[in-house]
PDB file of N, CA and C in Angstrom:
ATOM      1  N   MET A   1       1.085  -1.382  -0.053  1.00  0.00           N
ATOM      2  CA  MET A   1       0.246  -0.001   0.154  1.00  0.00           C
ATOM      3  C   MET A   1       0.712   1.192   0.275  1.00  0.00           C
ATOM      4  N   ASN A   2       1.823   0.897   0.907  1.00  0.00           N
ATOM      5  CA  ASN A   2       3.200   2.264   1.200  1.00  0.00           C
ATOM      6  C   ASN A   2       3.765   2.542  -0.246  1.00  0.00           C
ATOM      7  N   SER A   3       4.304   1.093  -0.918  1.00  0.00           N
ATOM      8  CA  SER A   3       4.431   2.043  -2.259  1.00  0.00           C
ATOM      9  C   SER A   3       3.562   2.175  -3.428  1.00  0.00           C
ATOM     10  N   VAL A   4       2.259   2.451  -3.255  1.00  0.00           N
ATOM     11  CA  VAL A   4       1.706   2.480  -4.494  1.00  0.00           C
ATOM     12  C   VAL A   4       1.687   4.557  -3.975  1.00  0.00           C
ATOM     13  N   ARG A   5       1.663   4.715  -2.830  1.00  0.00           N
ATOM     14  CA  ARG A   5       1.171   5.923  -2.041  1.00  0.00           C
ATOM     15  C   ARG A   5       2.540   7.058  -2.578  1.00  0.00           C
ATOM     16  N   THR A   6       4.019   6.362  -2.529  1.00  0.00           N
ATOM     17  CA  THR A   6       5.207   6.645  -2.727  1.00  0.00           C
ATOM     18  C   THR A   6       5.284   6.998  -4.617  1.00  0.00           C
ATOM     19  N   LEU A   7       5.121   5.780  -5.017  1.00  0.00           N
ATOM     20  CA  LEU A   7       4.728   6.119  -6.616  1.00  0.00           C
ATOM     21  C   LEU A   7       3.699   7.050  -6.788  1.00  0.00           C
ATOM     22  N   ALA A   8       2.907   7.458  -6.520  1.00  0.00           N
ATOM     23  CA  ALA A   8       1.702   8.555  -6.703  1.00  0.00           C
ATOM     24  C   ALA A   8       2.757   9.939  -6.295  1.00  0.00           C
ATOM     25  N   SER A   9       2.898   9.545  -4.911  1.00  0.00           N
ATOM     26  CA  SER A   9       4.029  10.944  -4.977  1.00  0.00           C
ATOM     27  C   SER A   9       4.919  11.388  -5.916  1.00  0.00           C
ATOM     28  N   SER A  10       5.385  10.409  -6.164  1.00  0.00           N
ATOM     29  CA  SER A  10       6.916  10.660  -6.887  1.00  0.00           C
ATOM     30  C   SER A  10       6.122  11.519  -8.375  1.00  0.00           C
ATOM     31  N   LEU A  11       4.583  10.859  -8.812  1.00  0.00           N
ATOM     32  CA  LEU A  11       4.173  11.242  -9.508  1.00  0.00           C
ATOM     33  C   LEU A  11       4.032  12.977 -10.098  1.00  0.00           C
ATOM     34  N   LEU A  12       4.003  13.713  -8.714  1.00  0.00           N
ATOM     35  CA  LEU A  12       3.241  15.143  -8.542  1.00  0.00           C
ATOM     36  C   LEU A  12       4.779  15.893  -8.961  1.00  0.00           C
ATOM     37  N   ARG A  13       5.879  15.228  -9.200  1.00  0.00           N
ATOM     38  CA  ARG A  13       7.024  15.449  -9.600  1.00  0.00           C
ATOM     39  C   ARG A  13       6.646  16.459 -11.070  1.00  0.00           C
ATOM     40  N   TRP A  14       5.895  16.408 -11.682  1.00  0.00           N
ATOM     41  CA  TRP A  14       6.011  16.915 -12.865  1.00  0.00           C
ATOM     42  C   TRP A  14       5.158  17.766 -12.800  1.00  0.00           C
ATOM     43  N   PRO A  15       5.458  18.927 -14.013  1.00  0.00           N
ATOM     44  CA  PRO A  15       4.839  20.380 -13.628  1.00  0.00           C
ATOM     45  C   PRO A  15       3.218  20.531 -14.059  1.00  0.00           C
ATOM     46  N   SER A  16       2.456  19.097 -14.816  1.00  0.00           N
ATOM     47  CA  SER A  16       1.154  19.128 -14.400  1.00  0.00           C
ATOM     48  C   SER A  16       0.741  18.264 -13.378  1.00  0.00           C
ATOM     49  N   GLN A  17      -0.320  19.497 -12.146  1.00  0.00           N
ATOM     50  CA  GLN A  17      -0.529  18.839 -11.311  1.00  0.00           C
ATOM     51  C   GLN A  17      -1.198  18.146 -10.869  1.00  0.00           C
ATOM     52  N   THR A  18      -1.827  16.948 -12.130  1.00  0.00           N
ATOM     53  CA  THR A  18      -2.521  16.001 -12.126  1.00  0.00           C
ATOM     54  C   THR A  18      -1.953  14.730 -12.115  1.00  0.00           C
ATOM     55  N   ILE A  19      -2.556  13.600 -11.225  1.00  0.00           N
ATOM     56  CA  ILE A  19      -1.672  12.416 -11.324  1.00  0.00           C
ATOM     57  C   ILE A  19      -2.957  11.476 -12.205  1.00  0.00           C
ATOM     58  N   GLU A  20      -2.240  10.615 -13.577  1.00  0.00           N
ATOM     59  CA  GLU A  20      -2.719  10.037 -14.116  1.00  0.00           C
ATOM     60  C   GLU A  20      -2.229   8.932 -14.096  1.00  0.00           C
ATOM     61  N   TRP A  21      -3.354   7.706 -13.912  1.00  0.00           N
ATOM     62  CA  TRP A  21      -2.873   6.311 -13.609  1.00  0.00           C
ATOM     63  C   TRP A  21      -3.834   5.395 -14.901  1.00  0.00           C
ATOM     64  N   CYS A  22      -2.868   4.659 -15.802  1.00  0.00           N
ATOM     65  CA  CYS A  22      -3.153   4.226 -16.703  1.00  0.00           C
ATOM     66  C   CYS A  22      -3.308   2.211 -16.448  1.00  0.00           C
ATOM     67  N   SER A  23      -4.355   1.497 -16.945  1.00  0.00           N
ATOM     68  CA  SER A  23      -4.098  -0.027 -16.853  1.00  0.00           C
ATOM     69  C   SER A  23      -3.707  -0.415 -17.870  1.00  0.00           C
ATOM     70  N   CYS A  24      -3.656   0.407 -18.921  1.00  0.00           N
ATOM     71  CA  CYS A  24      -3.639  -0.256 -20.703  1.00  0.00           C
ATOM     72  C   CYS A  24      -2.264  -0.030 -20.664  1.00  0.00           C
ATOM     73  N   ALA A  25      -1.190   0.642 -20.215  1.00  0.00           N
ATOM     74  CA  ALA A  25       0.038   1.073 -20.473  1.00  0.00           C
ATOM     75  C   ALA A  25       0.652   0.154 -20.041  1.00  0.00           C
ATOM     76  N   PRO A  26       2.141  -1.015 -20.166  1.00  0.00           N
ATOM     77  CA  PRO A  26       3.074  -1.689 -19.810  1.00  0.00           C
ATOM     78  C   PRO A  26       3.535  -1.175 -18.844  1.00  0.00           C
ATOM     79  N   HIS A  27       3.502  -2.364 -18.078  1.00  0.00           N
ATOM     80  CA  HIS A  27       3.690  -2.598 -16.294  1.00  0.00           C
ATOM     81  C   HIS A  27       3.286  -1.010 -15.714  1.00  0.00           C
ATOM     82  N   TYR A  28       2.113  -0.570 -15.791  1.00  0.00           N
ATOM     83  CA  TYR A  28       1.382   0.244 -15.025  1.00  0.00           C
ATOM     84  C   TYR A  28       2.103   1.509 -14.945  1.00  0.00           C
ATOM     85  N   GLN A  29       2.291   2.598 -16.249  1.00  0.00           N
ATOM     86  CA  GLN A  29       2.991   3.644 -15.872  1.00  0.00           C
ATOM     87  C   GLN A  29       2.827   4.884 -15.821  1.00  0.00           C
ATOM     88  N   PRO A  30       3.247   5.617 -15.137  1.00  0.00           N
ATOM     89  CA  PRO A  30       2.357   7.101 -15.880  1.00  0.00           C
ATOM     90  C   PRO A  30       2.164   7.433 -16.579  1.00  0.00           C
ATOM     91  N   LEU A  31       1.280   8.259 -16.828  1.00  0.00           N
ATOM     92  CA  LEU A  31       1.180   8.816 -18.346  1.00  0.00           C
ATOM     93  C   LEU A  31       1.002  10.528 -18.215  1.00  0.00           C
ATOM     94  N   GLN A  32       1.982  10.968 -19.519  1.00  0.00           N
ATOM     95  CA  GLN A  32       2.472  12.607 -19.024  1.00  0.00           C
ATOM     96  C   GLN A  32       1.389  13.229 -20.625  1.00  0.00           C
ATOM     97  N   LEU A  33       1.936  12.097 -21.930  1.00  0.00           N
ATOM     98  CA  LEU A  33       1.754  13.207 -22.962  1.00  0.00           C
ATOM     99  C   LEU A  33       0.717  12.238 -23.656  1.00  0.00           C
ATOM    100  N   GLN A  34       0.410  10.968 -23.394  1.00  0.00           N
ATOM    101  CA  GLN A  34      -0.585  10.147 -24.191  1.00  0.00           C
ATOM    102  C   GLN A  34      -2.173  10.095 -23.425  1.00  0.00           C
ATOM    103  N   GLN A  35      -3.048   9.955 -24.314  1.00  0.00           N
ATOM    104  CA  GLN A  35      -4.103  10.070 -23.520  1.00  0.00           C
ATOM    105  C   GLN A  35      -4.927   8.249 -23.717  1.00  0.00           C
ATOM    106  N   TRP A  36      -4.967   8.618 -22.815  1.00  0.00           N
ATOM    107  CA  TRP A  36      -5.642   6.819 -22.195  1.00  0.00           C
ATOM    108  C   TRP A  36      -6.832   6.918 -21.728  1.00  0.00           C
ATOM    109  N   ARG A  37      -7.622   6.116 -21.609  1.00  0.00           N
ATOM    110  CA  ARG A  37      -8.301   5.782 -20.304  1.00  0.00           C
ATOM    111  C   ARG A  37      -7.542   5.525 -18.933  1.00  0.00           C
ATOM    112  N   GLY A  38      -7.897   6.344 -17.654  1.00  0.00           N
ATOM    113  CA  GLY A  38      -7.272   6.268 -16.672  1.00  0.00           C
ATOM    114  C   GLY A  38      -7.592   6.798 -15.256  1.00  0.00           C
ATOM    115  N   ILE A  39      -7.446   6.530 -14.384  1.00  0.00           N
ATOM    116  CA  ILE A  39      -7.593   7.155 -13.053  1.00  0.00           C
ATOM    117  C   ILE A  39      -7.258   8.880 -13.673  1.00  0.00           C
ATOM    118  N   ARG A  40      -7.560   9.734 -12.874  1.00  0.00           N
ATOM    119  CA  ARG A  40      -7.260  11.029 -12.935  1.00  0.00           C
ATOM    120  C   ARG A  40      -7.839  11.647 -11.798  1.00  0.00           C
ATOM    121  N   VAL A  41      -6.765  12.473 -11.135  1.00  0.00           N
ATOM    122  CA  VAL A  41      -7.074  12.803  -9.476  1.00  0.00           C
ATOM    123  C   VAL A  41      -6.186  14.346  -9.097  1.00  0.00           C
ATOM    124  N   LYS A  42      -7.092  15.255  -9.455  1.00  0.00           N
ATOM    125  CA  LYS A  42      -6.463  16.447  -9.717  1.00  0.00           C
ATOM    126  C   LYS A  42      -6.407  16.977  -8.131  1.00  0.00           C
ATOM    127  N   VAL A  43      -5.465  17.432  -7.269  1.00  0.00           N
ATOM    128  CA  VAL A  43      -4.599  17.931  -6.436  1.00  0.00           C
ATOM    129  C   VAL A  43      -5.105  19.410  -6.562  1.00  0.00           C
ATOM    130  N   ARG A  44      -6.308  19.621  -5.436  1.00  0.00           N
ATOM    131  CA  ARG A  44      -6.863  21.246  -4.899  1.00  0.00           C
ATOM    132  C   ARG A  44      -6.339  21.755  -4.180  1.00  0.00           C
ATOM    133  N   ASP A  45      -5.528  23.200  -4.190  1.00  0.00           N
ATOM    134  CA  ASP A  45      -5.271  23.845  -3.598  1.00  0.00           C
ATOM    135  C   ASP A  45      -3.653  23.299  -2.708  1.00  0.00           C
ATOM    136  N   GLY A  46      -3.353  22.278  -3.159  1.00  0.00           N
ATOM    137  CA  GLY A  46      -1.848  21.057  -2.930  1.00  0.00           C
ATOM    138  C   GLY A  46      -2.378  20.525  -1.725  1.00  0.00           C
ATOM    139  N   ASN A  47      -3.466  20.710  -1.821  1.00  0.00           N
ATOM    140  CA  ASN A  47      -3.877  19.233  -0.981  1.00  0.00           C
ATOM    141  C   ASN A  47      -3.276  17.801  -1.244  1.00  0.00           C
ATOM    142  N   LEU A  48      -2.190  17.439  -1.302  1.00  0.00           N
ATOM    143  CA  LEU A  48      -1.434  16.473  -1.821  1.00  0.00           C
ATOM    144  C   LEU A  48      -2.145  14.782  -0.811  1.00  0.00           C
ATOM    145  N   GLU A  49      -2.295  15.104   0.652  1.00  0.00           N
ATOM    146  CA  GLU A  49      -2.595  13.765   1.190  1.00  0.00           C
ATOM    147  C   GLU A  49      -4.050  13.989   0.636  1.00  0.00           C
ATOM    148  N   GLN A  50      -5.163  14.255   0.306  1.00  0.00           N
ATOM    149  CA  GLN A  50      -6.246  14.132  -0.125  1.00  0.00           C
ATOM    150  C   GLN A  50      -6.273  13.568  -1.536  1.00  0.00           C
ATOM    151  N   ALA A  51      -5.721  13.906  -2.029  1.00  0.00           N
ATOM    152  CA  ALA A  51      -5.497  13.372  -3.684  1.00  0.00           C
ATOM    153  C   ALA A  51      -5.039  12.267  -3.334  1.00  0.00           C
ATOM    154  N   LEU A  52      -3.968  11.917  -3.123  1.00  0.00           N
ATOM    155  CA  LEU A  52      -3.348  10.474  -2.681  1.00  0.00           C
ATOM    156  C   LEU A  52      -4.311   9.187  -2.139  1.00  0.00           C
ATOM    157  N   THR A  53      -5.350   9.647  -1.324  1.00  0.00           N
ATOM    158  CA  THR A  53      -6.121   8.950  -0.807  1.00  0.00           C
ATOM    159  C   THR A  53      -7.383   9.124  -1.664  1.00  0.00           C
ATOM    160  N   LEU A  54      -7.619   9.870  -2.247  1.00  0.00           N
ATOM    161  CA  LEU A  54      -8.552   9.787  -3.544  1.00  0.00           C
ATOM    162  C   LEU A  54      -7.665   8.826  -5.134  1.00  0.00           C
ATOM    163  N   LEU A  55      -6.771   8.885  -4.934  1.00  0.00           N
ATOM    164  CA  LEU A  55      -6.682   8.361  -5.955  1.00  0.00           C
ATOM    165  C   LEU A  55      -6.123   6.297  -5.328  1.00  0.00           C
ATOM    166  N   GLN A  56      -5.851   6.266  -4.270  1.00  0.00           N
ATOM    167  CA  GLN A  56      -5.885   5.187  -3.221  1.00  0.00           C
ATOM    168  C   GLN A  56      -7.018   4.344  -3.712  1.00  0.00           C
ATOM    169  N   ARG A  57      -8.487   5.030  -3.251  1.00  0.00           N
ATOM    170  CA  ARG A  57      -9.780   4.512  -3.248  1.00  0.00           C
ATOM    171  C   ARG A  57     -10.096   4.238  -4.897  1.00  0.00           C
ATOM    172  N   ARG A  58      -9.836   5.314  -5.967  1.00  0.00           N
ATOM    173  CA  ARG A  58     -10.405   4.936  -6.901  1.00  0.00           C
ATOM    174  C   ARG A  58      -9.531   3.373  -7.517  1.00  0.00           C
ATOM    175  N   MET A  59      -8.246   3.411  -7.267  1.00  0.00           N
ATOM    176  CA  MET A  59      -7.497   2.160  -7.514  1.00  0.00           C
ATOM    177  C   MET A  59      -8.430   1.025  -7.021  1.00  0.00           C
ATOM    178  N   GLN A  60      -8.576   1.013  -5.337  1.00  0.00           N
ATOM    179  CA  GLN A  60      -8.583  -0.304  -5.098  1.00  0.00           C
ATOM    180  C   GLN A  60     -10.604  -0.187  -5.779  1.00  0.00           C
ATOM    181  N   SER A  61     -10.767   0.488  -5.900  1.00  0.00           N
ATOM    182  CA  SER A  61     -12.340   0.153  -6.717  1.00  0.00           C
ATOM    183  C   SER A  61     -12.021  -0.542  -7.984  1.00  0.00           C
ATOM    184  N   SER A  62     -10.950  -0.027  -8.918  1.00  0.00           N
ATOM    185  CA  SER A  62     -11.131  -0.149 -10.052  1.00  0.00           C
ATOM    186  C   SER A  62     -10.507  -1.714 -10.139  1.00  0.00           C
ATOM    187  N   GLY A  63      -9.784  -1.832  -8.922  1.00  0.00           N
ATOM    188  CA  GLY A  63      -8.987  -3.032  -9.341  1.00  0.00           C
ATOM    189  C   GLY A  63      -7.853  -3.125  -9.900  1.00  0.00           C
ATOM    190  N   ILE A  64      -6.960  -2.056 -10.019  1.00  0.00           N
ATOM    191  CA  ILE A  64      -5.974  -1.551 -10.239  1.00  0.00           C
ATOM    192  C   ILE A  64      -4.495  -1.452  -9.389  1.00  0.00           C
ATOM    193  N   GLU A  65      -5.231  -2.009  -8.154  1.00  0.00           N
ATOM    194  CA  GLU A  65      -4.630  -2.606  -7.343  1.00  0.00           C
ATOM    195  C   GLU A  65      -3.907  -3.995  -7.141  1.00  0.00           C
ATOM    196  N   ARG A  66      -5.073  -4.373  -7.364  1.00  0.00           N
ATOM    197  CA  ARG A  66      -4.882  -5.625  -7.481  1.00  0.00           C
ATOM    198  C   ARG A  66      -3.838  -6.412  -8.678  1.00  0.00           C
ATOM    199  N   LEU A  67      -4.379  -5.954  -9.626  1.00  0.00           N
ATOM    200  CA  LEU A  67      -3.044  -6.268 -10.578  1.00  0.00           C
ATOM    201  C   LEU A  67      -1.794  -5.802 -10.707  1.00  0.00           C
ATOM    202  N   ILE A  68      -1.397  -4.876  -9.657  1.00  0.00           N
ATOM    203  CA  ILE A  68      -0.015  -3.910  -9.433  1.00  0.00           C
ATOM    204  C   ILE A  68       0.490  -5.371  -8.602  1.00  0.00           C
ATOM    205  N   LYS A  69       0.054  -5.613  -7.845  1.00  0.00           N
ATOM    206  CA  LYS A  69       0.026  -6.608  -6.272  1.00  0.00           C
ATOM    207  C   LYS A  69       0.343  -7.810  -7.100  1.00  0.00           C
ATOM    208  N   ARG A  70      -0.589  -8.426  -8.282  1.00  0.00           N
ATOM    209  CA  ARG A  70      -0.247  -9.546  -8.658  1.00  0.00           C
ATOM    210  C   ARG A  70       1.494 -10.138  -9.487  1.00  0.00           C
ATOM    211  N   GLN A  71       1.371  -8.703 -10.537  1.00  0.00           N
ATOM    212  CA  GLN A  71       2.359  -8.164 -10.936  1.00  0.00           C
ATOM    213  C   GLN A  71       3.729  -8.573 -10.213  1.00  0.00           C
ATOM    214  N   GLN A  72       3.487  -7.529  -9.250  1.00  0.00           N
ATOM    215  CA  GLN A  72       4.501  -7.451  -8.232  1.00  0.00           C
ATOM    216  C   GLN A  72       5.349  -8.862  -7.575  1.00  0.00           C
ATOM    217  N   THR A  73       6.706  -9.081  -8.261  1.00  0.00           N
ATOM    218  CA  THR A  73       7.032 -10.708  -7.845  1.00  0.00           C
ATOM    219  C   THR A  73       7.982 -10.631  -6.699  1.00  0.00           C
ATOM    220  N   ARG A  74       7.935 -11.373  -5.881  1.00  0.00           N
ATOM    221  CA  ARG A  74       8.496 -11.250  -4.376  1.00  0.00           C
ATOM    222  C   ARG A  74       9.411 -12.716  -3.878  1.00  0.00           C
ATOM    223  N   HIS A  75       9.805 -12.912  -3.048  1.00  0.00           N
ATOM    224  CA  HIS A  75      10.048 -14.434  -2.645  1.00  0.00           C
ATOM    225  C   HIS A  75       8.859 -15.045  -2.100  1.00  0.00           C
ATOM    226  N   LEU A  76       9.031 -15.900  -2.216  1.00  0.00           N
ATOM    227  CA  LEU A  76       7.407 -16.811  -1.415  1.00  0.00           C
ATOM    228  C   LEU A  76       8.372 -17.679  -0.931  1.00  0.00           C
ATOM    229  N   LYS A  77       7.603 -17.541   0.424  1.00  0.00           N
ATOM    230  CA  LYS A  77       8.614 -18.862   1.263  1.00  0.00           C
ATOM    231  C   LYS A  77       8.042 -20.495   0.635  1.00  0.00           C
ATOM    232  N   ASN A  78       8.939 -21.841   1.179  1.00  0.00           N
ATOM    233  CA  ASN A  78       8.304 -22.903   0.415  1.00  0.00           C
ATOM    234  C   ASN A  78       6.742 -22.825   1.505  1.00  0.00           C
ATOM    235  N   SER A  79       6.442 -22.260   2.653  1.00  0.00           N
ATOM    236  CA  SER A  79       5.045 -22.440   3.313  1.00  0.00           C
ATOM    237  C   SER A  79       3.868 -21.837   2.611  1.00  0.00           C
ATOM    238  N   GLU A  80       4.723 -20.846   2.414  1.00  0.00           N
ATOM    239  CA  GLU A  80       3.395 -20.033   1.490  1.00  0.00           C
ATOM    240  C   GLU A  80       3.093 -20.692  -0.087  1.00  0.00           C
ATOM    241  N   LYS A  81       3.576 -21.330  -0.439  1.00  0.00           N
ATOM    242  CA  LYS A  81       4.007 -21.759  -1.851  1.00  0.00           C
ATOM    243  C   LYS A  81       3.131 -23.280  -1.436  1.00  0.00           C
ATOM    244  N   ARG A  82       3.306 -24.149  -0.348  1.00  0.00           N
ATOM    245  CA  ARG A  82       2.334 -24.904  -0.171  1.00  0.00           C
ATOM    246  C   ARG A  82       1.215 -24.417   0.398  1.00  0.00           C
ATOM    247  N   VAL A  83       0.696 -23.491   0.865  1.00  0.00           N
ATOM    248  CA  VAL A  83      -0.689 -22.621   1.060  1.00  0.00           C
ATOM    249  C   VAL A  83      -1.499 -22.860  -0.290  1.00  0.00           C
ATOM    250  N   LEU A  84      -0.680 -21.857  -1.115  1.00  0.00           N
ATOM    251  CA  LEU A  84      -1.177 -21.421  -2.445  1.00  0.00           C
ATOM    252  C   LEU A  84      -1.419 -22.257  -2.985  1.00  0.00           C
ATOM    253  N   ALA A  85      -0.707 -23.434  -3.032  1.00  0.00           N
ATOM    254  CA  ALA A  85      -0.839 -24.566  -3.526  1.00  0.00           C
ATOM    255  C   ALA A  85      -2.011 -25.613  -3.263  1.00  0.00           C
ATOM    256  N   ARG A  86      -2.348 -25.563  -2.018  1.00  0.00           N
ATOM    257  CA  ARG A  86      -3.327 -26.668  -1.541  1.00  0.00           C
ATOM    258  C   ARG A  86      -4.791 -25.480  -1.933  1.00  0.00           C
ATOM    259  N   LYS A  87      -4.329 -24.530  -1.839  1.00  0.00           N
ATOM    260  CA  LYS A  87      -5.865 -23.752  -1.967  1.00  0.00           C
ATOM    261  C   LYS A  87      -6.219 -23.580  -3.585  1.00  0.00           C
ATOM    262  N   ASN A  88      -5.381 -23.760  -4.674  1.00  0.00           N
ATOM    263  CA  ASN A  88      -5.286 -24.316  -6.029  1.00  0.00           C
ATOM    264  C   ASN A  88      -6.053 -25.776  -5.656  1.00  0.00           C
ATOM    265  N   LEU A  89      -5.432 -26.137  -5.270  1.00  0.00           N
ATOM    266  CA  LEU A  89      -5.692 -28.024  -5.317  1.00  0.00           C
ATOM    267  C   LEU A  89      -7.490 -27.714  -5.100  1.00  0.00           C
ATOM    268  N   GLU A  90      -7.806 -26.818  -3.702  1.00  0.00           N
ATOM    269  CA  GLU A  90      -9.287 -27.137  -3.167  1.00  0.00           C
ATOM    270  C   GLU A  90      -9.967 -26.786  -4.095  1.00  0.00           C
ATOM    271  N   ARG A  91      -9.671 -25.849  -4.991  1.00  0.00           N
ATOM    272  CA  ARG A  91     -10.445 -24.926  -6.148  1.00  0.00           C
ATOM    273  C   ARG A  91     -10.550 -25.687  -6.615  1.00  0.00           C
ATOM    274  N   LYS A  92      -9.855 -26.221  -7.596  1.00  0.00           N
ATOM    275  CA  LYS A  92      -9.651 -27.370  -9.097  1.00  0.00           C
ATOM    276  C   LYS A  92     -10.305 -28.070  -8.550  1.00  0.00           C
ATOM    277  N   ILE A  93     -10.824 -29.161  -7.605  1.00  0.00           N
ATOM    278  CA  ILE A  93     -11.548 -29.997  -6.843  1.00  0.00           C
ATOM    279  C   ILE A  93     -12.865 -29.633  -6.909  1.00  0.00           C
ATOM    280  N   ARG A  94     -13.183 -28.608  -5.705  1.00  0.00           N
ATOM    281  CA  ARG A  94     -13.938 -27.669  -5.976  1.00  0.00           C
ATOM    282  C   ARG A  94     -15.142 -27.451  -7.109  1.00  0.00           C
ATOM    283  N   SER A  95     -14.470 -27.159  -8.192  1.00  0.00           N
ATOM    284  CA  SER A  95     -14.853 -26.979  -9.718  1.00  0.00           C
ATOM    285  C   SER A  95     -14.946 -28.380 -10.489  1.00  0.00           C
ATOM    286  N   GLN A  96     -14.284 -28.619 -10.555  1.00  0.00           N
ATOM    287  CA  GLN A  96     -14.528 -29.882 -10.802  1.00  0.00           C
ATOM    288  C   GLN A  96     -15.742 -31.342 -10.536  1.00  0.00           C
ATOM    289  N   ASP A  97     -15.966 -30.923  -9.222  1.00  0.00           N
ATOM    290  CA  ASP A  97     -17.372 -31.379  -8.350  1.00  0.00           C
ATOM    291  C   ASP A  97     -18.547 -30.960  -8.941  1.00  0.00           C
ATOM    292  N   LEU A  98     -18.296 -29.047  -8.879  1.00  0.00           N
ATOM    293  CA  LEU A  98     -19.772 -28.740  -9.495  1.00  0.00           C
ATOM    294  C   LEU A  98     -20.133 -28.945 -10.827  1.00  0.00           C
ATOM    295  N   ALA A  99     -19.058 -29.040 -11.786  1.00  0.00           N
ATOM    296  CA  ALA A  99     -19.148 -29.903 -12.481  1.00  0.00           C
ATOM    297  C   ALA A  99     -19.570 -30.974 -13.124  1.00  0.00           C
ATOM    298  N   ARG A 100     -19.323 -32.126 -12.462  1.00  0.00           N
ATOM    299  CA  ARG A 100     -19.549 -33.625 -12.151  1.00  0.00           C
ATOM    300  C   ARG A 100     -21.349 -33.231 -12.100  1.00  0.00           C
ATOM    301  N   LYS A 101     -21.839 -32.503 -11.070  1.00  0.00           N
ATOM    302  CA  LYS A 101     -22.708 -32.439 -10.687  1.00  0.00           C
ATOM    303  C   LYS A 101     -23.748 -31.213 -11.793  1.00  0.00           C
ATOM    304  N   LEU A 102     -23.596 -30.885 -12.231  1.00  0.00           N
ATOM    305  CA  LEU A 102     -24.402 -30.053 -13.344  1.00  0.00           C
ATOM    306  C   LEU A 102     -24.139 -31.108 -14.156  1.00  0.00           C
ATOM    307  N   LYS A 103     -23.536 -31.907 -14.674  1.00  0.00           N
ATOM    308  CA  LYS A 103     -23.333 -32.835 -15.740  1.00  0.00           C
ATOM    309  C   LYS A 103     -24.528 -33.830 -15.268  1.00  0.00           C
ATOM    310  N   ALA A 104     -24.482 -34.110 -14.203  1.00  0.00           N
ATOM    311  CA  ALA A 104     -25.437 -35.153 -14.200  1.00  0.00           C
ATOM    312  C   ALA A 104     -26.948 -34.901 -13.887  1.00  0.00           C
ATOM    313  N   ILE A 105     -26.675 -33.320 -13.568  1.00  0.00           N
ATOM    314  CA  ILE A 105     -28.378 -32.800 -13.504  1.00  0.00           C
ATOM    315  C   ILE A 105     -28.812 -32.777 -15.135  1.00  0.00           C
ATOM    316  N   LEU A 106     -27.720 -32.312 -16.520  1.00  0.00           N
ATOM    317  CA  LEU A 106     -28.048 -31.915 -17.237  1.00  0.00           C
ATOM    318  C   LEU A 106     -28.348 -33.406 -18.111  1.00  0.00           C
ATOM    319  N   VAL A 107     -27.572 -34.310 -17.779  1.00  0.00           N
ATOM    320  CA  VAL A 107     -28.223 -35.598 -18.140  1.00  0.00           C
ATOM    321  C   VAL A 107     -29.323 -36.130 -17.998  1.00  0.00           C
ATOM    322  N   LYS A 108     -30.118 -35.894 -16.571  1.00  0.00           N
ATOM    323  CA  LYS A 108     -31.165 -36.563 -15.961  1.00  0.00           C
ATOM    324  C   LYS A 108     -32.417 -35.502 -17.132  1.00  0.00           C
ATOM    325  N   LYS A 109     -31.797 -34.303 -16.992  1.00  0.00           N
ATOM    326  CA  LYS A 109     -32.940 -33.798 -17.510  1.00  0.00           C
ATOM    327  C   LYS A 109     -33.449 -33.968 -19.009  1.00  0.00           C
ATOM    328  N   VAL A 110     -32.192 -34.416 -19.758  1.00  0.00           N
ATOM    329  CA  VAL A 110     -32.255 -34.581 -21.645  1.00  0.00           C
ATOM    330  C   VAL A 110     -32.791 -36.245 -21.509  1.00  0.00           C
ATOM    331  N   ARG A 111     -32.133 -36.966 -20.480  1.00  0.00           N
ATOM    332  CA  ARG A 111     -33.411 -38.494 -20.635  1.00  0.00           C
ATOM    333  C   ARG A 111     -34.477 -38.523 -20.153  1.00  0.00           C
ATOM    334  N   GLY A 112     -35.062 -37.213 -19.731  1.00  0.00           N
ATOM    335  CA  GLY A 112     -36.231 -37.266 -18.500  1.00  0.00           C
ATOM    336  C   GLY A 112     -37.180 -36.936 -20.039  1.00  0.00           C
ATOM    337  N   LEU A 113     -36.557 -35.837 -20.505  1.00  0.00           N
ATOM    338  CA  LEU A 113     -37.990 -35.672 -21.887  1.00  0.00           C
ATOM    339  C   LEU A 113     -37.482 -36.800 -23.035  1.00  0.00           C
TER     340      LEU A 113
END
């Protein structure tokens, strides 16, 4: 969270007092010259903290923050890898069970007609 805030504060060094963040650009780089759809926050009356909290709120609601966190590579401990592998396996088994149940229901409906 703090890394997003420091990155956003570094964006304000540009002469245009507008923070613009675009999910379309590679590696989510801030944009200055290009016009992309993104999140814009204006700094009013030099109130940087308010602009940063508004940017953070908008990034959370649009899902950009999750994408950034997903792309950040960090070292995973073996225990974390095991937990993630177990969760993925449970998710896969649940979806397979659900697919099996739906298939059985559809077969019953088709045979019943």
